[in-house]
C-alpha atoms as a PDB file:
ATOM      1  CA  UNK A   1      11.836  11.508  -9.108  1.00  0.00           C
ATOM      2  CA  UNK A   2       8.913  10.650  -6.855  1.00  0.00           C
ATOM      3  CA  UNK A   3       9.064   7.701  -4.517  1.00  0.00           C
ATOM      4  CA  UNK A   4       6.600   5.719  -2.457  1.00  0.00           C
ATOM      5  CA  UNK A   5       7.201   3.264   0.373  1.00  0.00           C
ATOM      6  CA  UNK A   6       6.288  -0.376  -0.251  1.00  0.00           C
ATOM      7  CA  UNK A   7       3.822  -1.123   2.608  1.00  0.00           C
ATOM      8  CA  UNK A   8       4.985  -4.751   2.830  1.00  0.00           C
ATOM      9  CA  UNK A   9       8.779  -4.474   3.041  1.00  0.00           C
ATOM     10  CA  UNK A  10       9.356  -0.748   3.601  1.00  0.00           C
ATOM     11  CA  UNK A  11      11.582  -0.248   0.543  1.00  0.00           C
ATOM     12  CA  UNK A  12      11.495   2.963  -1.459  1.00  0.00           C
ATOM     13  CA  UNK A  13       9.863   2.453  -4.854  1.00  0.00           C
ATOM     14  CA  UNK A  14      10.192   4.864  -7.762  1.00  0.00           C
ATOM     15  CA  UNK A  15       6.800   5.997  -9.039  1.00  0.00           C
ATOM     16  CA  UNK A  16       6.529   5.597 -12.806  1.00  0.00           C
ATOM     17  CA  UNK A  17       4.068   4.227 -15.372  1.00  0.00           C
ATOM     18  CA  UNK A  18       5.461   0.661 -15.324  1.00  0.00           C
ATOM     19  CA  UNK A  19       5.655   0.356 -11.517  1.00  0.00           C
ATOM     20  CA  UNK A  20       3.789  -2.452  -9.757  1.00  0.00           C
ATOM     21  CA  UNK A  21       0.731  -0.962  -8.057  1.00  0.00           C
ATOM     22  CA  UNK A  22      -2.526  -1.961  -6.461  1.00  0.00           C
ATOM     23  CA  UNK A  23      -5.580   0.111  -5.654  1.00  0.00           C
ATOM     24  CA  UNK A  24      -7.509  -0.998  -2.606  1.00  0.00           C
ATOM     25  CA  UNK A  25     -10.929   0.210  -1.433  1.00  0.00           C
ATOM     26  CA  UNK A  26      -9.523   1.150   1.962  1.00  0.00           C
ATOM     27  CA  UNK A  27     -12.827   2.659   3.091  1.00  0.00           C
ATOM     28  CA  UNK A  28     -14.276  -0.864   3.300  1.00  0.00           C
ATOM     29  CA  UNK A  29     -11.505  -2.162   5.608  1.00  0.00           C
ATOM     30  CA  UNK A  30     -11.628  -2.156   9.405  1.00  0.00           C
ATOM     31  CA  UNK A  31      -8.359  -0.163   9.551  1.00  0.00           C
ATOM     32  CA  UNK A  32      -9.762   2.678   7.388  1.00  0.00           C
ATOM     33  CA  UNK A  33     -10.175   5.129  10.275  1.00  0.00           C
ATOM     34  CA  UNK A  34      -7.290   3.841  12.382  1.00  0.00           C
ATOM     35  CA  UNK A  35      -4.967   6.674  13.431  1.00  0.00           C
ATOM     36  CA  UNK A  36      -1.448   6.187  12.101  1.00  0.00           C
ATOM     37  CA  UNK A  37      -2.301   3.488   9.590  1.00  0.00           C
ATOM     38  CA  UNK A  38      -0.297   3.263   6.390  1.00  0.00           C
ATOM     39  CA  UNK A  39      -1.923   5.458   3.767  1.00  0.00           C
ATOM     40  CA  UNK A  40      -1.593   5.318   0.027  1.00  0.00           C
ATOM     41  CA  UNK A  41      -2.233   7.947  -2.603  1.00  0.00           C
ATOM     42  CA  UNK A  42      -5.915   8.676  -3.224  1.00  0.00           C
ATOM     43  CA  UNK A  43      -7.112   7.061  -6.449  1.00  0.00           C
ATOM     44  CA  UNK A  44      -9.756   9.293  -8.049  1.00  0.00           C
ATOM     45  CA  UNK A  45     -11.006   6.376 -10.152  1.00  0.00           C
ATOM     46  CA  UNK A  46     -12.094   4.275  -7.145  1.00  0.00           C
ATOM     47  CA  UNK A  47     -14.411   5.584  -4.420  1.00  0.00           C
ATOM     48  CA  UNK A  48     -12.533   5.194  -1.133  1.00  0.00           C
ATOM     49  CA  UNK A  49      -9.590   3.796  -3.055  1.00  0.00           C
ATOM     50  CA  UNK A  50      -5.930   4.293  -2.305  1.00  0.00           C
ATOM     51  CA  UNK A  51      -3.046   3.325  -4.576  1.00  0.00           C
ATOM     52  CA  UNK A  52       0.087   1.591  -3.289  1.00  0.00           C
ATOM     53  CA  UNK A  53       3.415   0.867  -5.019  1.00  0.00           C
ATOM     54  CA  UNK A  54       5.521  -2.280  -4.641  1.00  0.00           C
ATOM     55  CA  UNK A  55       9.171  -3.244  -5.137  1.00  0.00           C
ATOM     56  CA  UNK A  56       8.326  -6.629  -6.611  1.00  0.00           C
ATOM     57  CA  UNK A  57       5.642  -9.159  -7.395  1.00  0.00           C
ATOM     58  CA  UNK A  58       6.007 -10.988  -4.044  1.00  0.00           C
ATOM     59  CA  UNK A  59       5.204  -7.881  -2.028  1.00  0.00           C
ATOM     60  CA  UNK A  60       2.293  -7.046  -4.333  1.00  0.00           C
ATOM     61  CA  UNK A  61       0.796 -10.536  -3.963  1.00  0.00           C
ATOM     62  CA  UNK A  62       1.271 -10.547  -0.176  1.00  0.00           C
ATOM     63  CA  UNK A  63      -0.477  -7.188   0.042  1.00  0.00           C
ATOM     64  CA  UNK A  64      -3.380  -8.327  -2.119  1.00  0.00           C
ATOM     65  CA  UNK A  65      -3.846 -11.367   0.148  1.00  0.00           C
ATOM     66  CA  UNK A  66      -3.850  -9.402   3.435  1.00  0.00           C
ATOM     67  CA  UNK A  67      -4.153  -5.632   2.901  1.00  0.00           C
ATOM     68  CA  UNK A  68      -5.417  -4.977   6.442  1.00  0.00           C
ATOM     69  CA  UNK A  69      -2.319  -6.589   7.935  1.00  0.00           C
ATOM     70  CA  UNK A  70       0.032  -4.284   6.040  1.00  0.00           C
ATOM     71  CA  UNK A  71      -2.039  -1.122   6.518  1.00  0.00           C
ATOM     72  CA  UNK A  72      -2.440  -1.580  10.269  1.00  0.00           C
ATOM     73  CA  UNK A  73      -0.691   1.143  12.299  1.00  0.00           C
ATOM     74  CA  UNK A  74       1.094  -1.530  14.372  1.00  0.00           C
ATOM     75  CA  UNK A  75       2.661  -3.303  11.394  1.00  0.00           C
ATOM     76  CA  UNK A  76       6.420  -2.855  11.054  1.00  0.00           C
ATOM     77  CA  UNK A  77       7.917  -3.739   7.649  1.00  0.00           C
ATOM     78  CA  UNK A  78      10.823  -6.136   8.055  1.00  0.00           C
ATOM     79  CA  UNK A  79      12.754  -4.840   5.049  1.00  0.00           C
ATOM     80  CA  UNK A  80      14.212  -6.931   2.289  1.00  0.00           C
END
């Protein structure tokens, strides 16, 4: 079983076909080259894209609203 860390809440999320995910063009964000930023899995279908997994719809929607906030190296997930 492979797992990813939800960048919003910090929970472990099992990676499978039905998992909630989002691909973001991280290369276009100001945090793209920031050392220590949260990184996702490279998405070969999107230039500069990284894929992230989420525990639930709320975390996914929060991330889609403010991806830079959650990818910033200084962000600390609060947990669920």
